[in-house]
C-alpha atoms as a PDB file:
ATOM      1  CA  UNK A   1       0.000   0.000   0.000  1.00  0.00           C
ATOM      2  CA  UNK A   2       1.323   3.427  -0.882  1.00  0.00           C
ATOM      3  CA  UNK A   3       0.656   6.634   0.975  1.00  0.00           C
ATOM      4  CA  UNK A   4      -1.108   8.000  -2.127  1.00  0.00           C
ATOM      5  CA  UNK A   5      -3.983   5.585  -1.447  1.00  0.00           C
ATOM      6  CA  UNK A   6      -4.557   6.816   2.106  1.00  0.00           C
ATOM      7  CA  UNK A   7      -6.752   9.555   3.520  1.00  0.00           C
ATOM      8  CA  UNK A   8      -4.169  11.312   5.703  1.00  0.00           C
ATOM      9  CA  UNK A   9      -6.857  12.848   7.932  1.00  0.00           C
ATOM     10  CA  UNK A  10      -7.742   9.333   9.082  1.00  0.00           C
ATOM     11  CA  UNK A  11      -4.217   7.987   9.484  1.00  0.00           C
ATOM     12  CA  UNK A  12      -3.605   5.604  12.358  1.00  0.00           C
ATOM     13  CA  UNK A  13      -1.135   6.660  15.057  1.00  0.00           C
ATOM     14  CA  UNK A  14       1.489   4.323  16.532  1.00  0.00           C
ATOM     15  CA  UNK A  15       3.608   4.778  19.652  1.00  0.00           C
ATOM     16  CA  UNK A  16       6.928   2.953  19.387  1.00  0.00           C
ATOM     17  CA  UNK A  17       9.221   2.918  22.402  1.00  0.00           C
ATOM     18  CA  UNK A  18      12.875   2.919  21.435  1.00  0.00           C
ATOM     19  CA  UNK A  19      11.807   4.018  17.979  1.00  0.00           C
ATOM     20  CA  UNK A  20      14.827   6.165  17.178  1.00  0.00           C
ATOM     21  CA  UNK A  21      17.153   3.300  16.271  1.00  0.00           C
ATOM     22  CA  UNK A  22      17.425  -0.363  15.386  1.00  0.00           C
ATOM     23  CA  UNK A  23      14.292  -2.452  15.088  1.00  0.00           C
ATOM     24  CA  UNK A  24      12.099   0.288  16.525  1.00  0.00           C
ATOM     25  CA  UNK A  25      13.159   2.748  13.868  1.00  0.00           C
ATOM     26  CA  UNK A  26      12.794   0.176  11.121  1.00  0.00           C
ATOM     27  CA  UNK A  27       9.274  -0.573  12.344  1.00  0.00           C
ATOM     28  CA  UNK A  28       8.444   3.139  12.391  1.00  0.00           C
ATOM     29  CA  UNK A  29       9.623   3.571   8.807  1.00  0.00           C
ATOM     30  CA  UNK A  30       7.628   0.607   7.534  1.00  0.00           C
ATOM     31  CA  UNK A  31       4.521   1.779   9.365  1.00  0.00           C
ATOM     32  CA  UNK A  32       4.966   5.206   7.783  1.00  0.00           C
ATOM     33  CA  UNK A  33       5.183   3.565   4.366  1.00  0.00           C
ATOM     34  CA  UNK A  34       1.776   2.059   5.123  1.00  0.00           C
ATOM     35  CA  UNK A  35       0.346   5.480   5.997  1.00  0.00           C
ATOM     36  CA  UNK A  36       0.680   5.312   9.786  1.00  0.00           C
ATOM     37  CA  UNK A  37       1.792   8.363  11.800  1.00  0.00           C
ATOM     38  CA  UNK A  38       4.330   7.770  14.565  1.00  0.00           C
ATOM     39  CA  UNK A  39       5.162   8.912  18.074  1.00  0.00           C
ATOM     40  CA  UNK A  40       8.579   7.464  18.823  1.00  0.00           C
ATOM     41  CA  UNK A  41      10.569   7.557  22.032  1.00  0.00           C
ATOM     42  CA  UNK A  42      14.273   7.859  22.695  1.00  0.00           C
ATOM     43  CA  UNK A  43      16.321   7.705  25.864  1.00  0.00           C
ATOM     44  CA  UNK A  44      19.339   9.953  25.290  1.00  0.00           C
ATOM     45  CA  UNK A  45      20.178  10.509  21.609  1.00  0.00           C
ATOM     46  CA  UNK A  46      17.858  13.325  20.523  1.00  0.00           C
ATOM     47  CA  UNK A  47      19.726  13.862  17.240  1.00  0.00           C
ATOM     48  CA  UNK A  48      19.076  10.283  16.213  1.00  0.00           C
ATOM     49  CA  UNK A  49      15.425  10.627  17.177  1.00  0.00           C
ATOM     50  CA  UNK A  50      15.084  13.849  15.187  1.00  0.00           C
ATOM     51  CA  UNK A  51      16.645  12.082  12.209  1.00  0.00           C
ATOM     52  CA  UNK A  52      14.017   9.335  12.450  1.00  0.00           C
ATOM     53  CA  UNK A  53      11.254  11.967  12.563  1.00  0.00           C
ATOM     54  CA  UNK A  54      12.680  13.627   9.442  1.00  0.00           C
ATOM     55  CA  UNK A  55      12.771  10.282   7.634  1.00  0.00           C
ATOM     56  CA  UNK A  56       9.148   9.565   8.525  1.00  0.00           C
ATOM     57  CA  UNK A  57       8.028  13.039   7.466  1.00  0.00           C
ATOM     58  CA  UNK A  58       9.805  12.546   4.138  1.00  0.00           C
ATOM     59  CA  UNK A  59       7.432   9.625   3.577  1.00  0.00           C
ATOM     60  CA  UNK A  60       4.492  11.999   3.987  1.00  0.00           C
ATOM     61  CA  UNK A  61       3.496  11.062   7.530  1.00  0.00           C
ATOM     62  CA  UNK A  62       3.400  13.004  10.769  1.00  0.00           C
ATOM     63  CA  UNK A  63       5.883  12.124  13.510  1.00  0.00           C
ATOM     64  CA  UNK A  64       7.133  13.356  16.856  1.00  0.00           C
ATOM     65  CA  UNK A  65       9.934  12.176  19.163  1.00  0.00           C
ATOM     66  CA  UNK A  66       9.491  12.231  22.939  1.00  0.00           C
ATOM     67  CA  UNK A  67      12.054  11.357  25.582  1.00  0.00           C
ATOM     68  CA  UNK A  68      11.274   8.339  27.748  1.00  0.00           C
ATOM     69  CA  UNK A  69      13.294   6.422  30.299  1.00  0.00           C
ATOM     70  CA  UNK A  70      11.482   3.112  29.856  1.00  0.00           C
ATOM     71  CA  UNK A  71      12.953   1.774  33.082  1.00  0.00           C
ATOM     72  CA  UNK A  72      11.807   4.596  35.347  1.00  0.00           C
ATOM     73  CA  UNK A  73       8.132   4.187  36.192  1.00  0.00           C
ATOM     74  CA  UNK A  74       8.172   7.392  38.252  1.00  0.00           C
ATOM     75  CA  UNK A  75       8.505   9.409  35.021  1.00  0.00           C
ATOM     76  CA  UNK A  76       5.582   7.768  33.241  1.00  0.00           C
ATOM     77  CA  UNK A  77       2.889  10.206  34.351  1.00  0.00           C
ATOM     78  CA  UNK A  78       4.810  13.106  32.796  1.00  0.00           C
ATOM     79  CA  UNK A  79       5.300  11.043  29.645  1.00  0.00           C
ATOM     80  CA  UNK A  80       1.584  10.264  29.428  1.00  0.00           C
ATOM     81  CA  UNK A  81       0.861  13.991  29.747  1.00  0.00           C
ATOM     82  CA  UNK A  82       3.308  14.677  26.897  1.00  0.00           C
ATOM     83  CA  UNK A  83       1.580  12.045  24.762  1.00  0.00           C
ATOM     84  CA  UNK A  84      -1.790  13.646  25.406  1.00  0.00           C
ATOM     85  CA  UNK A  85      -0.457  17.072  24.500  1.00  0.00           C
ATOM     86  CA  UNK A  86       1.112  15.779  21.264  1.00  0.00           C
ATOM     87  CA  UNK A  87      -2.091  14.009  20.255  1.00  0.00           C
ATOM     88  CA  UNK A  88      -4.120  17.182  20.738  1.00  0.00           C
ATOM     89  CA  UNK A  89      -1.660  19.637  19.192  1.00  0.00           C
ATOM     90  CA  UNK A  90      -0.477  17.597  16.195  1.00  0.00           C
ATOM     91  CA  UNK A  91      -3.462  15.383  15.429  1.00  0.00           C
ATOM     92  CA  UNK A  92      -6.401  17.077  17.125  1.00  0.00           C
ATOM     93  CA  UNK A  93      -7.266  13.789  18.814  1.00  0.00           C
ATOM     94  CA  UNK A  94      -7.100  12.251  22.247  1.00  0.00           C
ATOM     95  CA  UNK A  95      -6.439   8.613  21.283  1.00  0.00           C
ATOM     96  CA  UNK A  96      -3.817   6.589  19.437  1.00  0.00           C
ATOM     97  CA  UNK A  97      -4.143   3.201  17.723  1.00  0.00           C
ATOM     98  CA  UNK A  98      -1.013   1.066  18.080  1.00  0.00           C
ATOM     99  CA  UNK A  99       1.550   0.507  20.838  1.00  0.00           C
ATOM    100  CA  UNK A 100       4.850  -1.264  20.167  1.00  0.00           C
ATOM    101  CA  UNK A 101       6.772  -1.962  23.380  1.00  0.00           C
ATOM    102  CA  UNK A 102      10.217  -2.190  21.827  1.00  0.00           C
ATOM    103  CA  UNK A 103      12.646  -0.269  24.075  1.00  0.00           C
ATOM    104  CA  UNK A 104      15.299  -2.465  25.592  1.00  0.00           C
ATOM    105  CA  UNK A 105      18.854  -2.987  26.750  1.00  0.00           C
ATOM    106  CA  UNK A 106      21.134  -5.997  26.578  1.00  0.00           C
ATOM    107  CA  UNK A 107      23.162  -7.787  29.219  1.00  0.00           C
ATOM    108  CA  UNK A 108      25.478 -10.771  28.939  1.00  0.00           C
ATOM    109  CA  UNK A 109      26.650 -12.663  32.006  1.00  0.00           C
ATOM    110  CA  UNK A 110      26.417 -16.203  33.264  1.00  0.00           C
ATOM    111  CA  UNK A 111      23.729 -17.040  35.819  1.00  0.00           C
ATOM    112  CA  UNK A 112      26.411 -17.335  38.510  1.00  0.00           C
ATOM    113  CA  UNK A 113      27.849 -13.903  37.708  1.00  0.00           C
ATOM    114  CA  UNK A 114      24.627 -11.916  37.201  1.00  0.00           C
ATOM    115  CA  UNK A 115      24.382  -9.160  39.794  1.00  0.00           C
ATOM    116  CA  UNK A 116      21.223  -7.991  41.506  1.00  0.00           C
ATOM    117  CA  UNK A 117      21.810  -4.472  40.223  1.00  0.00           C
ATOM    118  CA  UNK A 118      22.002  -5.601  36.581  1.00  0.00           C
ATOM    119  CA  UNK A 119      19.017  -7.894  37.099  1.00  0.00           C
ATOM    120  CA  UNK A 120      16.978  -4.966  38.425  1.00  0.00           C
ATOM    121  CA  UNK A 121      17.952  -2.782  35.443  1.00  0.00           C
ATOM    122  CA  UNK A 122      16.711  -5.445  33.042  1.00  0.00           C
ATOM    123  CA  UNK A 123      13.542  -5.970  35.061  1.00  0.00           C
ATOM    124  CA  UNK A 124      12.740  -2.256  35.152  1.00  0.00           C
ATOM    125  CA  UNK A 125      13.086  -1.805  31.383  1.00  0.00           C
ATOM    126  CA  UNK A 126      11.945  -5.110  29.959  1.00  0.00           C
ATOM    127  CA  UNK A 127       9.102  -6.102  32.269  1.00  0.00           C
ATOM    128  CA  UNK A 128       8.093  -3.571  34.912  1.00  0.00           C
ATOM    129  CA  UNK A 129       8.334  -0.720  32.421  1.00  0.00           C
ATOM    130  CA  UNK A 130       6.324  -2.580  29.777  1.00  0.00           C
ATOM    131  CA  UNK A 131       3.700  -3.566  32.342  1.00  0.00           C
ATOM    132  CA  UNK A 132       3.064  -0.143  33.815  1.00  0.00           C
ATOM    133  CA  UNK A 133       3.581   1.965  30.700  1.00  0.00           C
ATOM    134  CA  UNK A 134       0.964  -0.125  28.917  1.00  0.00           C
ATOM    135  CA  UNK A 135      -1.323   0.180  31.936  1.00  0.00           C
ATOM    136  CA  UNK A 136      -1.001   3.966  32.011  1.00  0.00           C
ATOM    137  CA  UNK A 137      -1.589   4.232  28.259  1.00  0.00           C
ATOM    138  CA  UNK A 138      -4.768   2.148  28.318  1.00  0.00           C
ATOM    139  CA  UNK A 139      -7.109   5.168  28.570  1.00  0.00           C
ATOM    140  CA  UNK A 140      -5.506   6.625  25.427  1.00  0.00           C
ATOM    141  CA  UNK A 141      -5.558   3.479  23.282  1.00  0.00           C
ATOM    142  CA  UNK A 142      -8.395   3.408  20.796  1.00  0.00           C
ATOM    143  CA  UNK A 143     -10.887   0.573  21.170  1.00  0.00           C
ATOM    144  CA  UNK A 144     -10.005  -1.856  18.407  1.00  0.00           C
ATOM    145  CA  UNK A 145      -6.350  -0.891  18.665  1.00  0.00           C
ATOM    146  CA  UNK A 146      -3.370  -3.218  18.829  1.00  0.00           C
ATOM    147  CA  UNK A 147      -0.371  -3.819  21.047  1.00  0.00           C
ATOM    148  CA  UNK A 148       2.846  -5.603  20.106  1.00  0.00           C
ATOM    149  CA  UNK A 149       5.345  -6.576  22.783  1.00  0.00           C
ATOM    150  CA  UNK A 150       8.869  -7.380  21.645  1.00  0.00           C
ATOM    151  CA  UNK A 151      10.409 -10.556  23.035  1.00  0.00           C
ATOM    152  CA  UNK A 152      13.348 -12.630  21.807  1.00  0.00           C
ATOM    153  CA  UNK A 153      14.153 -16.018  20.387  1.00  0.00           C
ATOM    154  CA  UNK A 154      16.116 -16.470  23.617  1.00  0.00           C
ATOM    155  CA  UNK A 155      12.822 -17.025  25.452  1.00  0.00           C
ATOM    156  CA  UNK A 156      12.466 -20.290  23.468  1.00  0.00           C
ATOM    157  CA  UNK A 157      16.034 -21.569  23.148  1.00  0.00           C
ATOM    158  CA  UNK A 158      18.847 -21.192  25.645  1.00  0.00           C
ATOM    159  CA  UNK A 159      22.138 -19.397  25.079  1.00  0.00           C
ATOM    160  CA  UNK A 160      24.500 -19.287  28.081  1.00  0.00           C
ATOM    161  CA  UNK A 161      24.942 -15.758  29.379  1.00  0.00           C
ATOM    162  CA  UNK A 162      21.399 -14.622  28.667  1.00  0.00           C
ATOM    163  CA  UNK A 163      19.399 -16.053  31.573  1.00  0.00           C
ATOM    164  CA  UNK A 164      18.291 -12.726  33.083  1.00  0.00           C
ATOM    165  CA  UNK A 165      17.441 -11.058  29.761  1.00  0.00           C
ATOM    166  CA  UNK A 166      15.585 -14.124  28.483  1.00  0.00           C
ATOM    167  CA  UNK A 167      13.648 -14.502  31.739  1.00  0.00           C
ATOM    168  CA  UNK A 168      12.307 -10.954  31.381  1.00  0.00           C
ATOM    169  CA  UNK A 169      11.218 -11.706  27.831  1.00  0.00           C
ATOM    170  CA  UNK A 170       9.511 -14.868  29.016  1.00  0.00           C
ATOM    171  CA  UNK A 171       7.549 -12.756  31.496  1.00  0.00           C
ATOM    172  CA  UNK A 172       6.519 -10.392  28.697  1.00  0.00           C
ATOM    173  CA  UNK A 173       5.224 -13.326  26.683  1.00  0.00           C
ATOM    174  CA  UNK A 174       2.998 -14.435  29.572  1.00  0.00           C
ATOM    175  CA  UNK A 175       1.833 -10.844  30.052  1.00  0.00           C
ATOM    176  CA  UNK A 176       0.890 -10.675  26.376  1.00  0.00           C
ATOM    177  CA  UNK A 177      -1.555 -13.569  26.725  1.00  0.00           C
ATOM    178  CA  UNK A 178      -3.168 -11.988  29.776  1.00  0.00           C
ATOM    179  CA  UNK A 179      -3.505  -8.626  28.042  1.00  0.00           C
ATOM    180  CA  UNK A 180      -5.085 -10.298  25.018  1.00  0.00           C
ATOM    181  CA  UNK A 181      -7.663 -11.886  27.317  1.00  0.00           C
ATOM    182  CA  UNK A 182      -8.369  -8.836  29.475  1.00  0.00           C
ATOM    183  CA  UNK A 183      -8.433  -6.255  26.673  1.00  0.00           C
ATOM    184  CA  UNK A 184     -10.469  -8.384  24.280  1.00  0.00           C
ATOM    185  CA  UNK A 185     -13.682  -6.738  25.429  1.00  0.00           C
ATOM    186  CA  UNK A 186     -12.354  -3.493  23.947  1.00  0.00           C
ATOM    187  CA  UNK A 187     -11.414  -5.180  20.688  1.00  0.00           C
ATOM    188  CA  UNK A 188      -7.697  -4.657  21.387  1.00  0.00           C
ATOM    189  CA  UNK A 189      -5.457  -7.422  20.000  1.00  0.00           C
ATOM    190  CA  UNK A 190      -2.151  -8.077  21.791  1.00  0.00           C
ATOM    191  CA  UNK A 191       0.684 -10.168  20.389  1.00  0.00           C
ATOM    192  CA  UNK A 192       4.353 -10.883  20.962  1.00  0.00           C
ATOM    193  CA  UNK A 193       6.979 -10.650  18.230  1.00  0.00           C
ATOM    194  CA  UNK A 194      10.190 -12.515  19.057  1.00  0.00           C
ATOM    195  CA  UNK A 195      13.101 -11.646  16.751  1.00  0.00           C
ATOM    196  CA  UNK A 196      16.115 -13.885  16.412  1.00  0.00           C
ATOM    197  CA  UNK A 197      19.643 -12.504  16.200  1.00  0.00           C
ATOM    198  CA  UNK A 198      19.545  -9.303  14.119  1.00  0.00           C
ATOM    199  CA  UNK A 199      22.328  -7.144  12.684  1.00  0.00           C
ATOM    200  CA  UNK A 200      21.805  -3.863  14.553  1.00  0.00           C
ATOM    201  CA  UNK A 201      23.777  -1.854  17.121  1.00  0.00           C
ATOM    202  CA  UNK A 202      21.986  -3.766  19.905  1.00  0.00           C
ATOM    203  CA  UNK A 203      24.361  -5.363  22.400  1.00  0.00           C
ATOM    204  CA  UNK A 204      27.236  -3.347  21.008  1.00  0.00           C
ATOM    205  CA  UNK A 205      26.542  -4.476  17.441  1.00  0.00           C
ATOM    206  CA  UNK A 206      27.865  -7.941  18.180  1.00  0.00           C
ATOM    207  CA  UNK A 207      25.856  -9.747  15.480  1.00  0.00           C
ATOM    208  CA  UNK A 208      26.419  -7.016  12.899  1.00  0.00           C
ATOM    209  CA  UNK A 209      30.088  -6.257  13.540  1.00  0.00           C
ATOM    210  CA  UNK A 210      31.646  -9.501  14.788  1.00  0.00           C
ATOM    211  CA  UNK A 211      32.249 -11.858  11.816  1.00  0.00           C
ATOM    212  CA  UNK A 212      32.609 -14.920  14.042  1.00  0.00           C
ATOM    213  CA  UNK A 213      29.323 -14.282  15.828  1.00  0.00           C
ATOM    214  CA  UNK A 214      27.606 -13.518  12.528  1.00  0.00           C
ATOM    215  CA  UNK A 215      28.866 -16.786  11.064  1.00  0.00           C
ATOM    216  CA  UNK A 216      27.772 -18.722  14.149  1.00  0.00           C
ATOM    217  CA  UNK A 217      24.259 -17.229  13.955  1.00  0.00           C
ATOM    218  CA  UNK A 218      24.051 -18.093  10.266  1.00  0.00           C
ATOM    219  CA  UNK A 219      25.030 -21.695  11.004  1.00  0.00           C
ATOM    220  CA  UNK A 220      22.199 -21.989  13.556  1.00  0.00           C
ATOM    221  CA  UNK A 221      19.572 -20.527  11.214  1.00  0.00           C
ATOM    222  CA  UNK A 222      17.630 -22.581   8.700  1.00  0.00           C
ATOM    223  CA  UNK A 223      17.720 -19.792   6.113  1.00  0.00           C
ATOM    224  CA  UNK A 224      21.499 -19.578   6.476  1.00  0.00           C
ATOM    225  CA  UNK A 225      22.143 -15.993   7.553  1.00  0.00           C
ATOM    226  CA  UNK A 226      21.734 -13.572  10.433  1.00  0.00           C
ATOM    227  CA  UNK A 227      18.668 -11.364  10.338  1.00  0.00           C
ATOM    228  CA  UNK A 228      18.569  -7.702   9.324  1.00  0.00           C
ATOM    229  CA  UNK A 229      16.167  -4.959  10.477  1.00  0.00           C
ATOM    230  CA  UNK A 230      14.192  -5.194   7.239  1.00  0.00           C
ATOM    231  CA  UNK A 231      13.281  -8.756   8.230  1.00  0.00           C
ATOM    232  CA  UNK A 232      11.466  -7.469  11.318  1.00  0.00           C
ATOM    233  CA  UNK A 233      10.005  -3.993  10.727  1.00  0.00           C
ATOM    234  CA  UNK A 234       7.775  -4.998   7.799  1.00  0.00           C
ATOM    235  CA  UNK A 235       6.501  -8.011   9.742  1.00  0.00           C
ATOM    236  CA  UNK A 236       5.428  -5.863  12.703  1.00  0.00           C
ATOM    237  CA  UNK A 237       3.836  -3.324  10.371  1.00  0.00           C
ATOM    238  CA  UNK A 238       1.913  -6.140   8.711  1.00  0.00           C
ATOM    239  CA  UNK A 239       0.839  -7.571  12.077  1.00  0.00           C
ATOM    240  CA  UNK A 240      -0.663  -4.191  12.988  1.00  0.00           C
ATOM    241  CA  UNK A 241      -2.620  -4.001   9.735  1.00  0.00           C
ATOM    242  CA  UNK A 242      -6.192  -5.106   9.128  1.00  0.00           C
ATOM    243  CA  UNK A 243      -4.800  -8.112   7.242  1.00  0.00           C
ATOM    244  CA  UNK A 244      -3.919  -9.610  10.639  1.00  0.00           C
ATOM    245  CA  UNK A 245      -6.884  -8.396  12.685  1.00  0.00           C
ATOM    246  CA  UNK A 246      -7.743 -11.942  13.864  1.00  0.00           C
ATOM    247  CA  UNK A 247      -4.263 -12.702  15.218  1.00  0.00           C
ATOM    248  CA  UNK A 248      -4.404 -12.308  18.991  1.00  0.00           C
ATOM    249  CA  UNK A 249      -2.579 -13.620  22.047  1.00  0.00           C
ATOM    250  CA  UNK A 250       0.172 -15.147  19.945  1.00  0.00           C
ATOM    251  CA  UNK A 251       3.946 -15.409  20.138  1.00  0.00           C
ATOM    252  CA  UNK A 252       5.360 -15.016  16.630  1.00  0.00           C
ATOM    253  CA  UNK A 253       9.051 -15.748  16.258  1.00  0.00           C
ATOM    254  CA  UNK A 254      10.772 -13.984  13.363  1.00  0.00           C
ATOM    255  CA  UNK A 255      14.174 -15.614  13.247  1.00  0.00           C
ATOM    256  CA  UNK A 256      14.648 -17.292   9.893  1.00  0.00           C
ATOM    257  CA  UNK A 257      14.372 -20.615  11.704  1.00  0.00           C
ATOM    258  CA  UNK A 258      16.985 -20.311  14.453  1.00  0.00           C
ATOM    259  CA  UNK A 259      17.583 -23.550  16.358  1.00  0.00           C
ATOM    260  CA  UNK A 260      14.733 -25.488  14.750  1.00  0.00           C
END
């Protein structure tokens, strides 16, 4: 679908946490190509966020970048107020349509060496933050809207050094099923997307920039290569479309067949 076929006054609006880079940005771009406007969040790199906004606007869609510390629940009320203000000022509305809980951080350590402090950081961003940000946004989500929570292939298969990170993603997958059940009365579909290893700057760019790791990932993947952002963003954009309106409460792994 091209933006020429879309009535811009009726464009859907998506909120994408961590939408200034990596998979979040790729998702934002592919949603924009489908005629969806975007509110994206960033943690510290405003220039990168502004660049993403410019790229979305070049596709003919509206976009705004708002700062969010996804691991600090105490800041969420101010963020919700900023969302409400943006919706009114830019779109003349008080509701949005799609939420993609994408923001995240990585951590690699064995179970024996994982510290409580690092565990808490992961918990705050990957589970507590997702739980309570979604809760606080519920009054602003349009009935019939959709939520996508980002998980990881690591919640299905085990890779030493990822126990804490994977456990948080496992919790998100359980949460997704509960949200699908509890929000069904409002017509809101909730699904999990679980990428495999993708070539981005996540985790220091280890899959993208380390040839040995890239080769190892390729050897574990049925399609014979590591993933790229364009393998994920279009899939999420498609999942949020009317074509997939009957998909609900599901975990969808997008990994090219890792460890099958």
